[in-house]
Amino acid sequence: MRYKFWNHRMLFVFVLAISSLSLMGQDLDAGKKVFRANCAACHAGDMKTKLTGPALGDVQSRWADYGGDEALYSWIRNSQALVGEGNERAVQIYEEYNKSVMTSFLNLSDDDIANLLGYIDIVYQNGPYPPVVVENGGGGNGGAGTPKDNTWLYIGLAVVLTLLALVLMRIVANLKDMILVKETGKEPEPKTLYQTITNSGVINFAIFALVIFGGYYTVSQAIDLGRQQGYQPIQPIKFSHKTHAGTQQIDCQYCHDGARRSKHSVIPAANTCMNCHKAIKVGSTYGTAEISKIYASIGYDPNKDLYIPDYDEMSNEDILKIYEKWITENSETDDVEEQLEGIMAALTNEELGDDKIAGPINWTRVYNLPDHVYFNHSQHVTVGKLECQTCHGPVEEMDVVKAHVPLSMGWCVNCHRKTEVQFAGNEYYKDYELYHQQLEDGTRTGVTVEEIGGTECQKCHY
């Protein structure tokens, strides 16, 4: 018995060591990128919840009796091929999800899939990766990185300096009077405080200061004209990036698909929302309230799982009856009227003469560059390999998106001065032969955007 006990102990330690070694060989950051780029649109980011596709946690064990990792890798790359071969597990999943065809990912290497599975496993067991760190017990005033407001300090200093200036002016006036008494023998009539502060010298200095500070204020305000850092408008639909990009880890470019291929990132159409919300009809935070607005804008009847024919010709009253039935039967609250009013408020605008529910969602723009500035998303996202968070901030932590950076010329130029171009494996920069040679020789450690013309005026203004 004792021999068997130690045998089991040694076997457990051996399996644990092998598992640890296999995990050490996985790049979890790379696995996270693969998941967000390919899987997050259909699979929940917590790896435990079913969405359009099944929960991915512990996926390898579920394939252990159906071909193991070899079959699982084949399933990820080309699910329909495995279904055609009659793999029992593949057929089970295919039938369970109403014969929905999973996207093929033939471009994924074995290392990509191994990294992906490692990332899925660590999130399933330990939660978000990398772990979320909350500083100073959850934030509040005085948290790390929170700028202090020194307004009152500056006001206090201004008051002290003004009083000091008045005292010095009075001393100077008294000294002049003493000199005059010594030279003429006559004692001048003492000046009042009003006479002191209204003499020509003080007035000239006040005019000079007013011109300087007025000019500075005018120029600074002109420079800030149109900038909206911190701007956080209320949107017609309470879309939470924290839920979609954070919790569910949907890649930014799944919705803003123009960012990788055009100048504009594009606001996603409601059809993009329907890729998921045809299946997910009740939200985790607002229930039916916000998702019903999407349905109403596009003419989708959630009661019948059908798009409504001749939707544009229906009256608002008839449209609201459809969603009243849906909300009444599926909402956990009694605010049916409030939700219907929310649909009207979000999708109509009497001031603009838009009194029809059916139509596109009128999102409020957050970022806006002047017309004389040229900016291309694809140049930065596809060529420059920048993460969206570089300019837009941690959107995966924002319930309501706000303008994260000033987008001033100085901010952009400074970014170009310090940001290094990703030359390795980037076909776009293959013509810079000298820089490539210097990088290979070790005479250069990197190339900044400025060094390839990123601070030339005509790059953004032409």
Protein backbone atom coordinates (compact mmCIF):
# COMPACT_ATOMS: atom_id res chain seq x y z
CA MET A 1 0.00 0.00 0.00
CA ARG A 2 2.82 2.39 0.93
CA TYR A 3 4.57 1.55 -2.36
CA LYS A 4 1.42 2.35 -4.34
CA PHE A 5 0.95 5.58 -2.37
CA TRP A 6 4.40 6.87 -3.35
CA ASN A 7 3.91 5.65 -6.91
CA HIS A 8 0.79 7.79 -7.18
CA ARG A 9 2.58 10.75 -5.61
CA MET A 10 5.49 10.48 -8.06
CA LEU A 11 3.12 10.11 -11.01
CA PHE A 12 1.21 13.22 -9.93
CA VAL A 13 4.45 15.24 -9.60
CA PHE A 14 5.63 13.97 -13.00
CA VAL A 15 2.36 14.98 -14.73
CA LEU A 16 2.43 18.38 -13.01
CA ALA A 17 6.03 18.96 -14.11
CA ILE A 18 5.26 18.00 -17.71
CA SER A 19 2.23 20.33 -17.70
CA SER A 20 4.33 23.14 -16.31
CA LEU A 21 7.01 22.62 -18.95
CA SER A 22 4.43 22.64 -21.72
CA LEU A 23 2.95 25.89 -20.39
CA MET A 24 6.43 27.47 -20.19
CA GLY A 25 6.81 26.88 -23.92
CA GLN A 26 3.67 28.86 -24.71
CA ASP A 27 3.56 32.57 -25.45
CA LEU A 28 0.42 33.72 -23.67
CA ASP A 29 0.61 37.25 -25.09
CA ALA A 30 0.74 35.81 -28.62
CA GLY A 31 -2.14 33.48 -27.71
CA LYS A 32 -4.19 36.45 -26.53
CA LYS A 33 -3.63 38.20 -29.87
CA VAL A 34 -4.68 35.07 -31.79
CA PHE A 35 -7.83 34.78 -29.66
CA ARG A 36 -8.83 38.43 -30.06
CA ALA A 37 -8.16 38.44 -33.79
CA ASN A 38 -9.87 35.15 -34.66
CA CYS A 39 -12.06 33.79 -31.87
CA ALA A 40 -13.42 36.61 -29.70
CA ALA A 41 -16.27 37.46 -32.07
CA CYS A 42 -18.03 34.15 -31.36
CA HIS A 43 -16.56 32.85 -28.08
CA ALA A 44 -16.81 34.40 -24.60
CA GLY A 45 -13.60 35.89 -23.25
CA ASP A 46 -14.07 34.31 -19.81
CA MET A 47 -13.85 30.86 -21.50
CA LYS A 48 -16.81 29.69 -19.38
CA THR A 49 -19.87 31.22 -21.08
CA LYS A 50 -21.58 30.07 -24.28
CA LEU A 51 -22.08 32.72 -26.95
CA THR A 52 -22.46 32.14 -30.68
CA GLY A 53 -19.94 29.34 -30.16
CA PRO A 54 -19.27 27.01 -27.19
CA ALA A 55 -17.30 27.92 -24.08
CA LEU A 56 -13.64 27.15 -24.76
CA GLY A 57 -12.41 26.36 -21.24
CA ASP A 58 -10.96 22.86 -20.77
CA VAL A 59 -11.37 22.24 -24.52
CA GLN A 60 -8.42 19.85 -24.80
CA SER A 61 -9.88 17.38 -22.32
CA ARG A 62 -13.15 17.31 -24.27
CA TRP A 63 -11.26 16.19 -27.39
CA ALA A 64 -9.09 13.63 -25.57
CA ASP A 65 -11.27 10.66 -26.61
CA TYR A 66 -11.84 11.93 -30.18
CA GLY A 67 -8.34 12.19 -31.60
CA GLY A 68 -6.75 14.42 -28.97
CA ASP A 69 -4.74 17.50 -29.89
CA GLU A 70 -4.23 16.36 -33.48
CA ALA A 71 -7.97 16.33 -34.11
CA LEU A 72 -8.46 19.58 -32.15
CA TYR A 73 -5.82 21.35 -34.26
CA SER A 74 -7.55 20.08 -37.41
CA TRP A 75 -10.92 21.27 -36.11
CA ILE A 76 -9.58 24.78 -35.45
CA ARG A 77 -8.02 25.01 -38.91
CA ASN A 78 -10.88 23.50 -40.93
CA SER A 79 -13.91 22.28 -38.98
CA GLN A 80 -15.89 21.18 -42.02
CA ALA A 81 -13.12 18.89 -43.21
CA LEU A 82 -13.22 17.08 -39.86
CA VAL A 83 -17.02 16.88 -39.98
CA GLY A 84 -16.73 15.37 -43.47
CA GLU A 85 -14.34 12.74 -42.11
CA GLY A 86 -17.00 11.74 -39.59
CA ASN A 87 -15.12 12.65 -36.41
CA GLU A 88 -17.67 12.02 -33.66
CA ARG A 89 -16.82 15.11 -31.59
CA ALA A 90 -16.82 17.37 -34.67
CA VAL A 91 -20.24 16.08 -35.71
CA GLN A 92 -21.58 16.55 -32.16
CA ILE A 93 -20.60 20.23 -32.10
CA TYR A 94 -21.84 20.79 -35.65
CA GLU A 95 -25.27 19.34 -34.78
CA GLU A 96 -25.48 21.08 -31.37
CA TYR A 97 -25.00 24.52 -32.94
CA ASN A 98 -27.60 24.04 -35.68
CA LYS A 99 -25.00 23.20 -38.33
CA SER A 100 -23.43 26.66 -38.12
CA VAL A 101 -20.17 26.61 -40.04
CA MET A 102 -17.14 27.65 -38.02
CA THR A 103 -14.73 29.96 -39.85
CA SER A 104 -11.62 28.19 -41.16
CA PHE A 105 -8.23 29.39 -39.93
CA LEU A 106 -5.82 27.69 -42.31
CA ASN A 107 -3.25 30.41 -41.68
CA LEU A 108 -2.69 29.39 -38.04
CA SER A 109 0.53 27.50 -37.37
CA ASP A 110 0.95 24.80 -34.72
CA ASP A 111 2.70 27.37 -32.50
CA ASP A 112 -0.21 29.80 -32.96
CA ILE A 113 -2.73 27.16 -31.87
CA ALA A 114 -0.53 26.03 -28.96
CA ASN A 115 -0.25 29.63 -27.75
CA LEU A 116 -4.01 30.05 -28.18
CA LEU A 117 -4.79 26.93 -26.12
CA GLY A 118 -2.34 28.04 -23.44
CA TYR A 119 -4.06 31.41 -23.22
CA ILE A 120 -7.52 29.78 -23.08
CA ASP A 121 -6.36 27.48 -20.28
CA ILE A 122 -4.81 30.23 -18.13
CA VAL A 123 -7.89 32.49 -18.46
CA TYR A 124 -10.23 29.57 -17.71
CA GLN A 125 -8.31 28.68 -14.54
CA ASN A 126 -7.14 32.07 -13.25
CA GLY A 127 -9.34 34.76 -14.84
CA PRO A 128 -8.25 37.67 -17.08
CA TYR A 129 -4.74 37.66 -18.49
CA PRO A 130 -2.72 39.67 -17.71
CA PRO A 131 -4.29 40.01 -14.24
CA VAL A 132 -6.08 43.29 -13.56
CA VAL A 133 -4.19 45.34 -10.95
CA VAL A 134 -6.17 47.90 -8.96
CA GLU A 135 -3.95 50.58 -7.43
CA ASN A 136 -4.55 52.23 -4.06
CA GLY A 137 -7.45 50.02 -3.08
CA GLY A 138 -9.64 50.77 -6.05
CA GLY A 139 -8.76 54.30 -7.01
CA GLY A 140 -10.31 57.47 -5.72
CA ASN A 141 -8.60 60.82 -5.27
CA GLY A 142 -4.88 60.55 -4.82
CA GLY A 143 -4.58 57.37 -6.87
CA ALA A 144 -1.40 56.66 -8.78
CA GLY A 145 -1.10 58.88 -11.79
CA THR A 146 -3.92 61.21 -10.68
CA PRO A 147 -2.84 64.81 -11.37
CA LYS A 148 -3.20 67.26 -8.49
CA ASP A 149 -5.25 70.43 -8.94
CA ASN A 150 -2.95 73.33 -7.99
CA THR A 151 -5.40 76.11 -8.86
CA TRP A 152 -5.76 77.37 -5.29
CA LEU A 153 -2.01 77.27 -4.78
CA TYR A 154 -1.54 79.56 -7.79
CA ILE A 155 -4.31 81.89 -6.60
CA GLY A 156 -2.70 82.10 -3.14
CA LEU A 157 0.71 82.89 -4.63
CA ALA A 158 -0.83 85.58 -6.84
CA VAL A 159 -2.47 87.24 -3.81
CA VAL A 160 0.78 87.16 -1.79
CA LEU A 161 2.80 88.60 -4.69
CA THR A 162 0.22 91.36 -5.23
CA LEU A 163 0.36 92.37 -1.54
CA LEU A 164 4.16 92.28 -1.64
CA ALA A 165 4.17 94.50 -4.73
CA LEU A 166 1.90 97.03 -2.98
CA VAL A 167 4.17 97.10 0.10
CA LEU A 168 7.26 97.64 -2.06
CA MET A 169 5.52 100.41 -4.00
CA ARG A 170 4.70 102.16 -0.71
CA ILE A 171 8.29 101.82 0.49
CA VAL A 172 9.61 103.26 -2.77
CA ALA A 173 7.19 106.20 -2.50
CA ASN A 174 8.30 106.91 1.09
CA LEU A 175 11.97 106.81 0.09
CA LYS A 176 11.29 109.32 -2.69
CA ASP A 177 9.55 111.59 -0.18
CA MET A 178 12.55 111.38 2.18
CA ILE A 179 14.92 112.32 -0.64
CA LEU A 180 12.67 115.25 -1.60
CA VAL A 181 12.63 116.49 2.06
CA LYS A 182 16.40 116.29 2.26
CA GLU A 183 16.90 118.21 -1.00
CA THR A 184 14.20 120.89 -0.60
CA GLY A 185 13.48 120.97 3.09
CA LYS A 186 9.79 120.69 2.36
CA GLU A 187 7.72 117.73 3.46
CA PRO A 188 5.41 116.57 0.61
CA GLU A 189 1.84 115.67 1.25
CA PRO A 190 1.66 111.88 1.77
CA LYS A 191 0.00 109.97 -1.07
CA THR A 192 -2.99 107.80 -0.46
CA LEU A 193 -3.05 104.12 -1.49
CA TYR A 194 -5.35 105.04 -4.37
CA GLN A 195 -2.86 107.61 -5.67
CA THR A 196 -0.08 105.07 -5.38
CA ILE A 197 -1.77 102.38 -7.44
CA THR A 198 -3.09 104.80 -10.07
CA ASN A 199 0.14 106.53 -11.00
CA SER A 200 1.42 106.26 -14.58
CA GLY A 201 4.04 103.59 -13.82
CA VAL A 202 1.54 101.18 -12.32
CA ILE A 203 -0.96 101.77 -15.13
CA ASN A 204 1.71 101.21 -17.80
CA PHE A 205 2.79 97.98 -16.11
CA ALA A 206 -0.84 96.81 -15.85
CA ILE A 207 -1.40 97.48 -19.56
CA PHE A 208 1.83 95.63 -20.42
CA ALA A 209 0.82 92.63 -18.26
CA LEU A 210 -2.67 92.62 -19.76
CA VAL A 211 -1.24 92.49 -23.30
CA ILE A 212 1.16 89.66 -22.39
CA PHE A 213 -1.33 87.49 -20.52
CA GLY A 214 -4.19 88.31 -22.91
CA GLY A 215 -2.06 87.35 -25.90
CA TYR A 216 -0.94 84.13 -24.20
CA TYR A 217 -4.53 83.21 -23.32
CA THR A 218 -5.77 83.97 -26.84
CA VAL A 219 -3.04 81.89 -28.50
CA SER A 220 -3.46 78.95 -26.10
CA GLN A 221 -7.22 78.92 -26.61
CA ALA A 222 -6.77 79.12 -30.39
CA ILE A 223 -4.39 76.15 -30.28
CA ASP A 224 -6.91 74.15 -28.23
CA LEU A 225 -9.78 75.02 -30.58
CA GLY A 226 -11.47 71.80 -31.69
CA ARG A 227 -9.55 69.56 -29.29
CA GLN A 228 -11.74 67.39 -27.13
CA GLN A 229 -9.49 65.50 -24.72
CA GLY A 230 -11.72 64.10 -21.97
CA TYR A 231 -14.87 64.56 -24.08
CA GLN A 232 -17.28 61.76 -23.12
CA PRO A 233 -20.69 62.18 -24.79
CA ILE A 234 -23.75 60.12 -23.92
CA GLN A 235 -24.53 57.84 -26.87
CA PRO A 236 -28.02 56.87 -28.11
CA ILE A 237 -27.25 53.27 -27.13
CA LYS A 238 -25.35 52.46 -23.95
CA PHE A 239 -22.67 50.46 -25.71
CA SER A 240 -20.02 49.32 -23.23
CA HIS A 241 -16.53 48.81 -24.65
CA LYS A 242 -15.62 47.37 -21.25
CA THR A 243 -18.09 44.52 -21.82
CA HIS A 244 -17.30 43.91 -25.49
CA ALA A 245 -13.56 44.63 -25.79
CA GLY A 246 -12.75 43.87 -22.14
CA THR A 247 -14.84 41.03 -20.75
CA GLN A 248 -15.65 39.37 -24.10
CA GLN A 249 -12.29 40.39 -25.65
CA ILE A 250 -13.74 41.15 -29.08
CA ASP A 251 -10.98 42.55 -31.26
CA CYS A 252 -11.39 46.26 -32.10
CA GLN A 253 -11.03 45.55 -35.81
CA TYR A 254 -13.91 43.11 -35.84
CA CYS A 255 -16.32 46.04 -35.45
CA HIS A 256 -14.12 48.86 -36.76
CA ASP A 257 -12.98 46.84 -39.75
CA GLY A 258 -12.04 49.89 -41.83
CA ALA A 259 -9.05 50.62 -39.56
CA ARG A 260 -6.89 47.95 -41.21
CA ARG A 261 -7.70 48.80 -44.82
CA SER A 262 -8.74 52.44 -45.20
CA LYS A 263 -8.33 55.99 -43.96
CA HIS A 264 -11.38 55.73 -41.69
CA SER A 265 -11.92 53.15 -38.94
CA VAL A 266 -15.70 53.33 -39.72
CA ILE A 267 -18.57 53.14 -37.26
CA PRO A 268 -19.97 49.60 -37.45
CA ALA A 269 -23.39 49.18 -39.02
CA ALA A 270 -26.14 47.46 -37.05
CA ASN A 271 -25.60 44.40 -39.27
CA THR A 272 -22.25 43.92 -37.52
CA CYS A 273 -23.99 44.04 -34.14
CA MET A 274 -26.45 41.41 -35.37
CA ASN A 275 -23.65 38.90 -35.99
CA CYS A 276 -23.69 38.36 -32.24
CA HIS A 277 -27.01 39.79 -31.09
CA LYS A 278 -29.09 37.54 -33.29
CA ALA A 279 -28.12 34.95 -30.67
CA ILE A 280 -27.52 37.17 -27.61
CA LYS A 281 -30.84 38.95 -27.16
CA VAL A 282 -30.70 39.97 -23.51
CA GLY A 283 -27.75 42.03 -22.26
CA SER A 284 -25.83 41.29 -19.06
CA THR A 285 -26.26 44.84 -17.73
CA TYR A 286 -29.32 46.47 -19.34
CA GLY A 287 -31.34 43.40 -20.26
CA THR A 288 -33.56 44.07 -23.28
CA ALA A 289 -33.35 47.89 -23.08
CA GLU A 290 -30.33 48.62 -25.28
CA ILE A 291 -30.34 45.60 -27.59
CA SER A 292 -33.97 46.34 -28.52
CA LYS A 293 -32.78 49.68 -29.92
CA ILE A 294 -30.51 47.80 -32.33
CA TYR A 295 -33.38 45.57 -33.41
CA ALA A 296 -35.66 48.57 -33.91
CA SER A 297 -33.10 50.45 -36.01
CA ILE A 298 -32.61 47.56 -38.42
CA GLY A 299 -36.11 46.07 -38.50
CA TYR A 300 -35.47 42.75 -36.76
CA ASP A 301 -38.33 41.00 -34.98
CA PRO A 302 -36.81 39.09 -32.01
CA ASN A 303 -40.15 37.40 -31.33
CA LYS A 304 -39.98 35.51 -34.65
CA ASP A 305 -36.21 35.66 -35.36
CA LEU A 306 -36.99 37.30 -38.69
CA TYR A 307 -36.30 40.60 -40.41
CA ILE A 308 -39.57 42.48 -40.95
CA PRO A 309 -40.59 42.96 -44.60
CA ASP A 310 -41.65 46.49 -45.62
CA TYR A 311 -40.32 47.74 -42.29
CA ASP A 312 -39.75 51.25 -43.62
CA GLU A 313 -43.43 51.56 -44.43
CA MET A 314 -44.63 50.68 -40.92
CA SER A 315 -45.76 53.41 -38.52
CA ASN A 316 -43.91 54.04 -35.28
CA GLU A 317 -46.94 52.77 -33.34
CA ASP A 318 -46.92 49.41 -35.14
CA ILE A 319 -43.15 49.11 -34.71
CA LEU A 320 -43.35 49.76 -30.99
CA LYS A 321 -46.03 47.08 -30.59
CA ILE A 322 -43.56 44.47 -31.83
CA TYR A 323 -40.94 45.48 -29.26
CA GLU A 324 -43.49 45.97 -26.51
CA LYS A 325 -44.38 42.28 -26.85
CA TRP A 326 -40.71 41.31 -26.83
CA ILE A 327 -39.79 43.45 -23.82
CA THR A 328 -42.86 42.36 -21.83
CA GLU A 329 -42.03 38.68 -22.29
CA ASN A 330 -38.25 38.89 -21.79
CA SER A 331 -37.49 41.83 -19.49
CA GLU A 332 -36.85 41.13 -15.82
CA THR A 333 -38.13 44.61 -14.92
CA ASP A 334 -41.48 46.36 -15.30
CA ASP A 335 -40.16 49.41 -17.17
CA VAL A 336 -41.70 48.50 -20.53
CA GLU A 337 -42.93 52.04 -21.23
CA GLU A 338 -39.57 53.47 -20.26
CA GLN A 339 -37.79 51.13 -22.69
CA LEU A 340 -40.17 52.04 -25.51
CA GLU A 341 -39.54 55.72 -24.82
CA GLY A 342 -35.83 54.94 -24.94
CA ILE A 343 -36.21 53.45 -28.43
CA MET A 344 -37.99 56.59 -29.62
CA ALA A 345 -35.41 58.90 -28.04
CA ALA A 346 -32.44 56.97 -29.45
CA LEU A 347 -33.67 56.54 -33.02
CA THR A 348 -35.61 59.75 -33.72
CA ASN A 349 -34.68 63.43 -33.65
CA GLU A 350 -37.49 65.96 -34.00
CA GLU A 351 -35.05 68.88 -34.30
CA LEU A 352 -33.59 67.34 -37.45
CA GLY A 353 -37.01 66.32 -38.77
CA ASP A 354 -36.19 62.65 -38.27
CA ASP A 355 -39.34 61.28 -36.70
CA LYS A 356 -39.15 57.69 -38.03
CA ILE A 357 -37.77 54.88 -35.88
CA ALA A 358 -36.42 52.81 -38.77
CA GLY A 359 -32.97 53.93 -39.87
CA PRO A 360 -29.33 54.13 -38.85
CA ILE A 361 -28.26 54.81 -35.27
CA ASN A 362 -27.12 58.42 -34.79
CA TRP A 363 -23.90 57.85 -32.84
CA THR A 364 -22.17 60.94 -31.43
CA ARG A 365 -18.65 61.45 -32.74
CA VAL A 366 -15.91 61.48 -30.07
CA TYR A 367 -12.74 62.19 -32.09
CA ASN A 368 -12.61 64.88 -34.76
CA LEU A 369 -9.54 66.18 -36.61
CA PRO A 370 -9.54 69.49 -38.52
CA ASP A 371 -10.19 69.30 -42.26
CA HIS A 372 -6.62 70.38 -43.07
CA VAL A 373 -5.16 67.31 -41.31
CA TYR A 374 -4.75 64.00 -43.14
CA PHE A 375 -4.74 60.86 -41.01
CA ASN A 376 -4.87 57.30 -42.30
CA HIS A 377 -5.85 54.49 -39.94
CA SER A 378 -4.47 51.71 -42.13
CA GLN A 379 -1.06 53.43 -42.27
CA HIS A 380 -0.84 53.19 -38.49
CA VAL A 381 -2.69 49.91 -37.83
CA THR A 382 -1.62 47.70 -40.74
CA VAL A 383 1.74 49.20 -41.67
CA GLY A 384 2.82 50.68 -38.34
CA LYS A 385 1.42 47.72 -36.33
CA LEU A 386 0.11 50.08 -33.63
CA GLU A 387 -2.42 48.92 -31.06
CA CYS A 388 -5.66 50.92 -31.04
CA GLN A 389 -5.01 51.78 -27.37
CA THR A 390 -1.97 53.88 -28.37
CA CYS A 391 -4.28 56.73 -29.39
CA HIS A 392 -7.66 55.72 -27.97
CA GLY A 393 -6.49 54.68 -24.52
CA PRO A 394 -7.64 51.59 -22.59
CA VAL A 395 -11.07 51.33 -24.27
CA GLU A 396 -11.40 47.82 -22.86
CA GLU A 397 -11.82 49.49 -19.45
CA MET A 398 -14.34 52.14 -20.56
CA ASP A 399 -18.10 51.77 -20.14
CA VAL A 400 -18.49 55.10 -21.95
CA VAL A 401 -15.72 55.98 -24.40
CA LYS A 402 -13.96 59.31 -24.00
CA ALA A 403 -11.26 61.15 -25.95
CA HIS A 404 -8.06 59.88 -24.34
CA VAL A 405 -5.40 62.11 -25.95
CA PRO A 406 -5.37 65.71 -27.25
CA LEU A 407 -4.52 64.73 -30.85
CA SER A 408 -2.61 68.00 -31.15
CA MET A 409 0.16 68.44 -33.70
CA GLY A 410 2.71 68.46 -30.88
CA TRP A 411 1.38 65.19 -29.50
CA CYS A 412 1.55 63.50 -32.92
CA VAL A 413 5.03 64.88 -33.72
CA ASN A 414 6.40 63.74 -30.35
CA CYS A 415 4.97 60.27 -30.98
CA HIS A 416 6.71 60.16 -34.38
CA ARG A 417 9.98 61.25 -32.79
CA LYS A 418 10.08 58.48 -30.20
CA THR A 419 8.21 55.60 -31.87
CA GLU A 420 10.38 53.04 -33.64
CA VAL A 421 9.21 51.55 -36.92
CA GLN A 422 8.76 47.78 -36.97
CA PHE A 423 11.14 46.98 -39.83
CA ALA A 424 11.43 43.23 -39.26
CA GLY A 425 9.25 41.29 -41.67
CA ASN A 426 7.45 44.45 -42.80
CA GLU A 427 7.31 44.50 -46.61
CA TYR A 428 6.24 48.13 -46.62
CA TYR A 429 9.73 49.26 -45.56
CA LYS A 430 11.81 46.94 -47.74
CA ASP A 431 13.13 49.87 -49.84
CA TYR A 432 15.08 51.33 -46.90
CA GLU A 433 18.14 49.23 -47.72
CA LEU A 434 20.63 51.37 -45.75
CA TYR A 435 18.63 51.15 -42.55
CA HIS A 436 18.15 47.39 -42.98
CA GLN A 437 21.91 46.96 -43.45
CA GLN A 438 22.70 49.08 -40.39
CA LEU A 439 20.26 47.07 -38.30
CA GLU A 440 21.90 43.83 -39.44
CA ASP A 441 25.41 45.20 -38.76
CA GLY A 442 24.40 46.37 -35.29
CA THR A 443 25.39 49.99 -36.01
CA ARG A 444 21.77 50.98 -35.49
CA THR A 445 19.34 49.64 -32.88
CA GLY A 446 16.14 51.05 -34.38
CA VAL A 447 14.55 53.49 -36.80
CA THR A 448 12.04 56.08 -35.63
CA VAL A 449 9.13 57.41 -37.69
CA GLU A 450 10.90 60.79 -37.76
CA GLU A 451 13.91 59.23 -39.52
CA ILE A 452 11.77 58.07 -42.45
CA GLY A 453 10.09 61.46 -42.88
CA GLY A 454 7.39 61.24 -40.24
CA THR A 455 7.79 64.86 -39.12
CA GLU A 456 7.71 66.44 -42.59
CA CYS A 457 4.84 68.93 -42.92
CA GLN A 458 3.51 67.46 -46.16
CA LYS A 459 2.95 64.05 -44.57
CA CYS A 460 -0.14 65.37 -42.80
CA HIS A 461 -0.80 68.70 -44.55
CA TYR A 462 -0.95 68.71 -48.34
